[in-house]
């Protein structure tokens, strides 16, 4: 059965509409603020749980200590410089992660109508 140009164009238009609707639904589902508005209590529980896990792990301190003990045997100026650089890098990364988590927590709080907590940024703290 031969299709006319009009049939093909109509099929293309319908496909575009379906794809546009699907993309809109995906954007709605992947929108963090919308997910928090739709499910505030689970979002708050996840944020608190992630904060507790990350603050209690002290992984940054453990990693810095392991790096220092591993490079301590070098006994040269390069070893000490590396120790300081790695410790500084780990501290900076920890600060960035901490700020990101605080931002997400404040987004969750503002989405459910709780006043966000004001924290100084890395630049304000001087880290």
Protein backbone atom coordinates (compact mmCIF):
# COMPACT_ATOMS: atom_id res chain seq x y z
CA UNK A 1 0.00 0.00 0.00
CA UNK A 2 1.56 3.28 -1.10
CA UNK A 3 1.60 6.18 1.30
CA UNK A 4 1.13 9.69 0.10
CA UNK A 5 3.34 12.59 1.07
CA UNK A 6 0.56 13.93 3.28
CA UNK A 7 0.38 10.60 5.17
CA UNK A 8 4.12 10.58 5.75
CA UNK A 9 4.06 14.20 6.97
CA UNK A 10 1.16 13.43 9.30
CA UNK A 11 3.06 10.42 10.70
CA UNK A 12 6.15 12.59 11.23
CA UNK A 13 4.08 15.26 13.00
CA UNK A 14 2.49 12.64 15.27
CA UNK A 15 5.89 11.15 16.07
CA UNK A 16 7.25 14.61 16.92
CA UNK A 17 4.32 15.27 19.25
CA UNK A 18 4.81 11.92 21.01
CA UNK A 19 8.54 12.52 21.38
CA UNK A 20 7.95 16.04 22.68
CA UNK A 21 5.48 14.72 25.25
CA UNK A 22 7.88 11.98 26.31
CA UNK A 23 10.75 14.45 26.70
CA UNK A 24 8.54 16.75 28.79
CA UNK A 25 7.62 13.85 31.06
CA UNK A 26 11.29 12.87 31.44
CA UNK A 27 12.27 16.45 32.28
CA UNK A 28 9.49 16.56 34.86
CA UNK A 29 10.64 13.28 36.43
CA UNK A 30 14.32 14.30 36.50
CA UNK A 31 13.70 17.76 37.97
CA UNK A 32 15.15 17.63 41.50
CA UNK A 33 12.99 20.46 42.81
CA UNK A 34 9.85 18.84 41.43
CA UNK A 35 10.78 15.46 42.92
CA UNK A 36 11.24 17.11 46.30
CA UNK A 37 7.89 18.91 45.99
CA UNK A 38 6.18 15.65 45.07
CA UNK A 39 7.92 13.60 47.81
CA UNK A 40 9.21 15.95 50.54
CA UNK A 41 9.59 13.46 53.39
CA UNK A 42 11.58 10.80 51.50
CA UNK A 43 13.76 13.56 50.02
CA UNK A 44 14.43 14.97 53.47
CA UNK A 45 15.23 11.50 54.82
CA UNK A 46 17.67 10.88 51.97
CA UNK A 47 19.36 14.25 52.52
CA UNK A 48 19.73 13.65 56.26
CA UNK A 49 20.99 10.11 55.69
CA UNK A 50 23.57 11.23 53.14
CA UNK A 51 24.74 14.00 55.45
CA UNK A 52 25.12 11.64 58.40
CA UNK A 53 26.98 9.06 56.33
CA UNK A 54 29.35 11.59 54.81
CA UNK A 55 30.02 13.46 58.03
CA UNK A 56 30.58 10.27 60.01
CA UNK A 57 32.87 8.56 57.53
CA UNK A 58 35.78 11.00 57.89
CA UNK A 59 37.05 9.46 54.66
CA UNK A 60 38.96 12.63 53.77
CA UNK A 61 40.96 12.51 57.00
CA UNK A 62 41.64 8.79 56.57
CA UNK A 63 42.79 9.30 52.98
CA UNK A 64 45.09 12.17 53.96
CA UNK A 65 46.58 10.13 56.82
CA UNK A 66 47.14 7.13 54.53
CA UNK A 67 48.80 9.33 51.93
CA UNK A 68 51.07 10.95 54.50
CA UNK A 69 52.12 7.60 55.97
CA UNK A 70 52.70 6.15 52.50
CA UNK A 71 54.89 9.05 51.37
CA UNK A 72 56.62 9.58 54.72
CA UNK A 73 59.27 7.03 53.81
CA UNK A 74 60.53 9.22 50.98
CA UNK A 75 62.32 11.41 53.51
CA UNK A 76 63.03 14.14 51.01
CA UNK A 77 61.72 17.62 50.46
CA UNK A 78 59.68 16.33 47.56
CA UNK A 79 57.95 13.87 49.90
CA UNK A 80 57.03 16.64 52.34
CA UNK A 81 55.85 18.91 49.54
CA UNK A 82 53.72 16.07 48.18
CA UNK A 83 52.28 15.45 51.64
CA UNK A 84 51.26 19.08 51.94
CA UNK A 85 49.85 19.23 48.42
CA UNK A 86 47.80 16.06 48.87
CA UNK A 87 46.52 17.18 52.28
CA UNK A 88 45.56 20.55 50.79
CA UNK A 89 43.85 18.89 47.83
CA UNK A 90 41.89 16.50 50.05
CA UNK A 91 40.83 19.37 52.30
CA UNK A 92 39.70 21.43 49.29
CA UNK A 93 37.74 18.54 47.79
CA UNK A 94 36.10 17.92 51.16
CA UNK A 95 35.08 21.58 51.34
CA UNK A 96 33.59 21.52 47.85
CA UNK A 97 31.64 18.34 48.58
CA UNK A 98 30.44 19.79 51.88
CA UNK A 99 29.26 22.98 50.13
CA UNK A 100 27.48 20.96 47.42
CA UNK A 101 25.67 18.87 50.05
CA UNK A 102 24.67 22.02 51.94
CA UNK A 103 23.30 23.50 48.71
CA UNK A 104 21.26 20.37 48.01
CA UNK A 105 19.99 20.27 51.59
CA UNK A 106 18.94 23.92 51.32
CA UNK A 107 17.15 23.16 48.03
CA UNK A 108 15.27 20.36 49.75
CA UNK A 109 14.44 22.60 52.70
CA UNK A 110 13.23 25.45 50.51
CA UNK A 111 11.14 23.03 48.46
CA UNK A 112 9.29 21.86 51.55
CA UNK A 113 9.02 25.34 53.02
CA UNK A 114 11.72 25.20 55.72
CA UNK A 115 14.11 28.14 56.04
CA UNK A 116 17.56 27.16 54.70
CA UNK A 117 20.59 27.27 57.00
CA UNK A 118 23.12 29.97 56.17
CA UNK A 119 26.68 28.64 55.91
CA UNK A 120 29.82 30.45 54.82
CA UNK A 121 31.17 29.37 51.44
CA UNK A 122 34.70 28.05 50.89
CA UNK A 123 35.87 31.51 49.86
CA UNK A 124 34.34 33.10 52.96
CA UNK A 125 35.91 30.47 55.24
CA UNK A 126 39.30 30.84 53.60
CA UNK A 127 39.80 27.09 53.03
